[in-house]
């Protein structure tokens, strides 16, 4: 099963989404892969990116 780790970059996670054609991954502890820390979705990343873009545009005006 594919997973993400809390110390991974979003770029690495997005590449995994694209290569595996999946939309969400459980985030687990590297030391204890049975310990679920959360869930990350492709839309979480896209929404965060869009929010930052809007903030940057707003700050330039």
PDB file of N, CA and C in Angstrom:
ATOM      1  N   UNK A   1       0.844  -1.185   0.000  1.00  0.00           N
ATOM      2  CA  UNK A   1       0.000   0.000   0.000  1.00  0.00           C
ATOM      3  C   UNK A   1       0.889   1.247   0.000  1.00  0.00           C
ATOM      4  N   UNK A   2       0.493   2.218  -0.776  1.00  0.00           N
ATOM      5  CA  UNK A   2       1.209   3.486  -0.833  1.00  0.00           C
ATOM      6  C   UNK A   2       0.873   4.325   0.392  1.00  0.00           C
ATOM      7  N   UNK A   3       1.879   5.005   0.911  1.00  0.00           N
ATOM      8  CA  UNK A   3       1.692   5.895   2.051  1.00  0.00           C
ATOM      9  C   UNK A   3       2.524   7.153   1.839  1.00  0.00           C
ATOM     10  N   UNK A   4       2.273   8.146   2.674  1.00  0.00           N
ATOM     11  CA  UNK A   4       3.078   9.360   2.716  1.00  0.00           C
ATOM     12  C   UNK A   4       3.641   9.485   4.126  1.00  0.00           C
ATOM     13  N   UNK A   5       4.737  10.222   4.226  1.00  0.00           N
ATOM     14  CA  UNK A   5       5.377  10.451   5.527  1.00  0.00           C
ATOM     15  C   UNK A   5       5.346  11.945   5.833  1.00  0.00           C
ATOM     16  N   UNK A   6       5.274  12.314   7.097  1.00  0.00           N
ATOM     17  CA  UNK A   6       5.123  13.727   7.458  1.00  0.00           C
ATOM     18  C   UNK A   6       6.313  14.597   7.054  1.00  0.00           C
ATOM     19  N   UNK A   7       7.480  13.984   6.842  1.00  0.00           N
ATOM     20  CA  UNK A   7       8.655  14.780   6.483  1.00  0.00           C
ATOM     21  C   UNK A   7       8.879  14.860   4.968  1.00  0.00           C
ATOM     22  N   UNK A   8       7.976  14.283   4.183  1.00  0.00           N
ATOM     23  CA  UNK A   8       8.111  14.337   2.725  1.00  0.00           C
ATOM     24  C   UNK A   8       7.682  15.698   2.192  1.00  0.00           C
ATOM     25  N   UNK A   9       8.246  16.066   1.054  1.00  0.00           N
ATOM     26  CA  UNK A   9       7.821  17.305   0.403  1.00  0.00           C
ATOM     27  C   UNK A   9       6.495  17.060  -0.313  1.00  0.00           C
ATOM     28  N   UNK A  10       5.758  18.141  -0.504  1.00  0.00           N
ATOM     29  CA  UNK A  10       4.511  18.017  -1.247  1.00  0.00           C
ATOM     30  C   UNK A  10       4.781  17.610  -2.687  1.00  0.00           C
ATOM     31  N   UNK A  11       5.913  18.038  -3.222  1.00  0.00           N
ATOM     32  CA  UNK A  11       6.292  17.649  -4.578  1.00  0.00           C
ATOM     33  C   UNK A  11       6.403  16.129  -4.689  1.00  0.00           C
ATOM     34  N   UNK A  12       7.038  15.503  -3.712  1.00  0.00           N
ATOM     35  CA  UNK A  12       7.191  14.043  -3.719  1.00  0.00           C
ATOM     36  C   UNK A  12       5.833  13.353  -3.634  1.00  0.00           C
ATOM     37  N   UNK A  13       4.954  13.886  -2.802  1.00  0.00           N
ATOM     38  CA  UNK A  13       3.626  13.294  -2.650  1.00  0.00           C
ATOM     39  C   UNK A  13       2.812  13.473  -3.932  1.00  0.00           C
ATOM     40  N   UNK A  14       2.891  14.660  -4.541  1.00  0.00           N
ATOM     41  CA  UNK A  14       2.161  14.888  -5.791  1.00  0.00           C
ATOM     42  C   UNK A  14       2.643  13.952  -6.896  1.00  0.00           C
ATOM     43  N   UNK A  15       3.941  13.724  -6.955  1.00  0.00           N
ATOM     44  CA  UNK A  15       4.480  12.798  -7.958  1.00  0.00           C
ATOM     45  C   UNK A  15       3.947  11.385  -7.729  1.00  0.00           C
ATOM     46  N   UNK A  16       3.815  10.987  -6.475  1.00  0.00           N
ATOM     47  CA  UNK A  16       3.265   9.669  -6.167  1.00  0.00           C
ATOM     48  C   UNK A  16       1.794   9.592  -6.580  1.00  0.00           C
ATOM     49  N   UNK A  17       1.040  10.668  -6.302  1.00  0.00           N
ATOM     50  CA  UNK A  17      -0.354  10.710  -6.745  1.00  0.00           C
ATOM     51  C   UNK A  17      -0.440  10.505  -8.257  1.00  0.00           C
ATOM     52  N   UNK A  18       0.391  11.228  -8.984  1.00  0.00           N
ATOM     53  CA  UNK A  18       0.340  11.162 -10.448  1.00  0.00           C
ATOM     54  C   UNK A  18       0.782   9.805 -10.973  1.00  0.00           C
ATOM     55  N   UNK A  19       1.863   9.269 -10.441  1.00  0.00           N
ATOM     56  CA  UNK A  19       2.392   8.008 -10.973  1.00  0.00           C
ATOM     57  C   UNK A  19       1.499   6.818 -10.650  1.00  0.00           C
ATOM     58  N   UNK A  20       0.817   6.873  -9.528  1.00  0.00           N
ATOM     59  CA  UNK A  20      -0.050   5.766  -9.104  1.00  0.00           C
ATOM     60  C   UNK A  20      -1.518   6.006  -9.432  1.00  0.00           C
ATOM     61  N   UNK A  21      -1.824   7.213  -9.951  1.00  0.00           N
ATOM     62  CA  UNK A  21      -3.193   7.587 -10.286  1.00  0.00           C
ATOM     63  C   UNK A  21      -4.132   7.410  -9.086  1.00  0.00           C
ATOM     64  N   UNK A  22      -3.710   7.998  -7.972  1.00  0.00           N
ATOM     65  CA  UNK A  22      -4.509   7.958  -6.751  1.00  0.00           C
ATOM     66  C   UNK A  22      -4.781   9.386  -6.289  1.00  0.00           C
ATOM     67  N   UNK A  23      -5.744   9.560  -5.423  1.00  0.00           N
ATOM     68  CA  UNK A  23      -6.128  10.890  -4.976  1.00  0.00           C
ATOM     69  C   UNK A  23      -5.924  11.149  -3.500  1.00  0.00           C
ATOM     70  N   UNK A  24      -5.569  10.113  -2.749  1.00  0.00           N
ATOM     71  CA  UNK A  24      -5.341  10.316  -1.308  1.00  0.00           C
ATOM     72  C   UNK A  24      -4.378   9.258  -0.785  1.00  0.00           C
ATOM     73  N   UNK A  25      -3.676   9.647   0.262  1.00  0.00           N
ATOM     74  CA  UNK A  25      -2.708   8.741   0.886  1.00  0.00           C
ATOM     75  C   UNK A  25      -2.787   8.869   2.399  1.00  0.00           C
ATOM     76  N   UNK A  26      -2.675   7.746   3.098  1.00  0.00           N
ATOM     77  CA  UNK A  26      -2.537   7.838   4.551  1.00  0.00           C
ATOM     78  C   UNK A  26      -1.138   8.360   4.881  1.00  0.00           C
ATOM     79  N   UNK A  27      -1.063   9.200   5.885  1.00  0.00           N
ATOM     80  CA  UNK A  27       0.233   9.697   6.364  1.00  0.00           C
ATOM     81  C   UNK A  27       0.572   8.889   7.607  1.00  0.00           C
ATOM     82  N   UNK A  28       1.723   8.211   7.563  1.00  0.00           N
ATOM     83  CA  UNK A  28       2.116   7.328   8.662  1.00  0.00           C
ATOM     84  C   UNK A  28       3.490   7.715   9.190  1.00  0.00           C
ATOM     85  N   UNK A  29       3.753   7.296  10.399  1.00  0.00           N
ATOM     86  CA  UNK A  29       5.042   7.504  11.044  1.00  0.00           C
ATOM     87  C   UNK A  29       6.093   6.631  10.357  1.00  0.00           C
ATOM     88  N   UNK A  30       7.258   7.189  10.058  1.00  0.00           N
ATOM     89  CA  UNK A  30       8.318   6.406   9.401  1.00  0.00           C
ATOM     90  C   UNK A  30       8.795   5.246  10.277  1.00  0.00           C
ATOM     91  N   UNK A  31       8.845   5.461  11.571  1.00  0.00           N
ATOM     92  CA  UNK A  31       9.338   4.435  12.487  1.00  0.00           C
ATOM     93  C   UNK A  31       8.298   3.351  12.771  1.00  0.00           C
ATOM     94  N   UNK A  32       7.037   3.743  12.785  1.00  0.00           N
ATOM     95  CA  UNK A  32       5.957   2.802  13.072  1.00  0.00           C
ATOM     96  C   UNK A  32       4.873   2.973  12.008  1.00  0.00           C
ATOM     97  N   UNK A  33       5.026   2.236  10.934  1.00  0.00           N
ATOM     98  CA  UNK A  33       4.132   2.396   9.788  1.00  0.00           C
ATOM     99  C   UNK A  33       2.680   2.005  10.089  1.00  0.00           C
ATOM    100  N   UNK A  34       2.434   1.418  11.241  1.00  0.00           N
ATOM    101  CA  UNK A  34       1.056   1.117  11.639  1.00  0.00           C
ATOM    102  C   UNK A  34       0.410   2.314  12.339  1.00  0.00           C
ATOM    103  N   UNK A  35       1.195   3.336  12.636  1.00  0.00           N
ATOM    104  CA  UNK A  35       0.676   4.529  13.329  1.00  0.00           C
ATOM    105  C   UNK A  35       0.199   5.562  12.308  1.00  0.00           C
ATOM    106  N   UNK A  36      -1.099   5.670  12.172  1.00  0.00           N
ATOM    107  CA  UNK A  36      -1.703   6.613  11.243  1.00  0.00           C
ATOM    108  C   UNK A  36      -1.683   8.011  11.842  1.00  0.00           C
ATOM    109  N   UNK A  37      -1.101   8.946  11.095  1.00  0.00           N
ATOM    110  CA  UNK A  37      -1.018  10.332  11.559  1.00  0.00           C
ATOM    111  C   UNK A  37      -2.069  11.220  10.908  1.00  0.00           C
ATOM    112  N   UNK A  38      -2.542  10.793   9.744  1.00  0.00           N
ATOM    113  CA  UNK A  38      -3.538  11.596   9.050  1.00  0.00           C
ATOM    114  C   UNK A  38      -3.735  11.105   7.637  1.00  0.00           C
ATOM    115  N   UNK A  39      -4.355  11.949   6.851  1.00  0.00           N
ATOM    116  CA  UNK A  39      -4.652  11.632   5.467  1.00  0.00           C
ATOM    117  C   UNK A  39      -4.386  12.876   4.640  1.00  0.00           C
ATOM    118  N   UNK A  40      -3.735  12.713   3.498  1.00  0.00           N
ATOM    119  CA  UNK A  40      -3.514  13.834   2.599  1.00  0.00           C
ATOM    120  C   UNK A  40      -4.162  13.509   1.263  1.00  0.00           C
ATOM    121  N   UNK A  41      -4.824  14.509   0.701  1.00  0.00           N
ATOM    122  CA  UNK A  41      -5.485  14.307  -0.583  1.00  0.00           C
ATOM    123  C   UNK A  41      -4.897  15.271  -1.613  1.00  0.00           C
ATOM    124  N   UNK A  42      -5.067  14.887  -2.863  1.00  0.00           N
ATOM    125  CA  UNK A  42      -4.609  15.750  -3.948  1.00  0.00           C
ATOM    126  C   UNK A  42      -5.306  17.102  -3.861  1.00  0.00           C
ATOM    127  N   UNK A  43      -6.596  17.084  -3.545  1.00  0.00           N
ATOM    128  CA  UNK A  43      -7.326  18.346  -3.458  1.00  0.00           C
ATOM    129  C   UNK A  43      -6.843  19.205  -2.288  1.00  0.00           C
ATOM    130  N   UNK A  44      -6.366  18.609  -1.192  1.00  0.00           N
ATOM    131  CA  UNK A  44      -5.774  19.386  -0.095  1.00  0.00           C
ATOM    132  C   UNK A  44      -4.598  20.210  -0.608  1.00  0.00           C
ATOM    133  N   UNK A  45      -3.748  19.568  -1.397  1.00  0.00           N
ATOM    134  CA  UNK A  45      -2.550  20.235  -1.913  1.00  0.00           C
ATOM    135  C   UNK A  45      -2.927  21.322  -2.910  1.00  0.00           C
ATOM    136  N   UNK A  46      -3.836  21.006  -3.816  1.00  0.00           N
ATOM    137  CA  UNK A  46      -4.261  21.990  -4.819  1.00  0.00           C
ATOM    138  C   UNK A  46      -4.920  23.185  -4.143  1.00  0.00           C
ATOM    139  N   UNK A  47      -5.774  22.941  -3.159  1.00  0.00           N
ATOM    140  CA  UNK A  47      -6.434  24.041  -2.448  1.00  0.00           C
ATOM    141  C   UNK A  47      -5.434  24.914  -1.698  1.00  0.00           C
ATOM    142  N   UNK A  48      -4.449  24.310  -1.059  1.00  0.00           N
ATOM    143  CA  UNK A  48      -3.424  25.084  -0.347  1.00  0.00           C
ATOM    144  C   UNK A  48      -2.604  25.919  -1.326  1.00  0.00           C
ATOM    145  N   UNK A  49      -2.264  25.325  -2.471  1.00  0.00           N
ATOM    146  CA  UNK A  49      -1.514  26.046  -3.496  1.00  0.00           C
ATOM    147  C   UNK A  49      -2.323  27.239  -4.005  1.00  0.00           C
ATOM    148  N   UNK A  50      -3.575  26.996  -4.324  1.00  0.00           N
ATOM    149  CA  UNK A  50      -4.435  28.074  -4.824  1.00  0.00           C
ATOM    150  C   UNK A  50      -4.577  29.199  -3.812  1.00  0.00           C
ATOM    151  N   UNK A  51      -4.700  28.839  -2.546  1.00  0.00           N
ATOM    152  CA  UNK A  51      -4.814  29.849  -1.488  1.00  0.00           C
ATOM    153  C   UNK A  51      -3.570  30.726  -1.440  1.00  0.00           C
ATOM    154  N   UNK A  52      -2.395  30.109  -1.552  1.00  0.00           N
ATOM    155  CA  UNK A  52      -1.145  30.874  -1.537  1.00  0.00           C
ATOM    156  C   UNK A  52      -1.033  31.779  -2.754  1.00  0.00           C
ATOM    157  N   UNK A  53      -1.454  31.291  -3.910  1.00  0.00           N
ATOM    158  CA  UNK A  53      -1.409  32.113  -5.129  1.00  0.00           C
ATOM    159  C   UNK A  53      -2.302  33.342  -4.959  1.00  0.00           C
ATOM    160  N   UNK A  54      -3.502  33.144  -4.453  1.00  0.00           N
ATOM    161  CA  UNK A  54      -4.421  34.255  -4.240  1.00  0.00           C
ATOM    162  C   UNK A  54      -3.819  35.247  -3.242  1.00  0.00           C
ATOM    163  N   UNK A  55      -3.216  34.768  -2.160  1.00  0.00           N
ATOM    164  CA  UNK A  55      -2.599  35.655  -1.174  1.00  0.00           C
ATOM    165  C   UNK A  55      -1.475  36.474  -1.808  1.00  0.00           C
ATOM    166  N   UNK A  56      -0.660  35.819  -2.644  1.00  0.00           N
ATOM    167  CA  UNK A  56       0.452  36.522  -3.297  1.00  0.00           C
ATOM    168  C   UNK A  56      -0.055  37.593  -4.235  1.00  0.00           C
ATOM    169  N   UNK A  57      -1.097  37.275  -4.979  1.00  0.00           N
ATOM    170  CA  UNK A  57      -1.670  38.256  -5.899  1.00  0.00           C
ATOM    171  C   UNK A  57      -2.229  39.428  -5.113  1.00  0.00           C
ATOM    172  N   UNK A  58      -2.916  39.130  -4.031  1.00  0.00           N
ATOM    173  CA  UNK A  58      -3.502  40.179  -3.190  1.00  0.00           C
ATOM    174  C   UNK A  58      -2.411  41.079  -2.597  1.00  0.00           C
ATOM    175  N   UNK A  59      -1.295  40.482  -2.208  1.00  0.00           N
ATOM    176  CA  UNK A  59      -0.204  41.242  -1.599  1.00  0.00           C
ATOM    177  C   UNK A  59       0.497  42.170  -2.594  1.00  0.00           C
ATOM    178  N   UNK A  60       0.387  41.883  -3.879  1.00  0.00           N
ATOM    179  CA  UNK A  60       1.060  42.722  -4.878  1.00  0.00           C
ATOM    180  C   UNK A  60       0.256  43.957  -5.217  1.00  0.00           C
ATOM    181  N   UNK A  61      -1.002  44.027  -4.780  1.00  0.00           N
ATOM    182  CA  UNK A  61      -1.847  45.181  -5.085  1.00  0.00           C
ATOM    183  C   UNK A  61      -2.034  46.054  -3.900  1.00  0.00           C
TER     184      UNK A  61
END
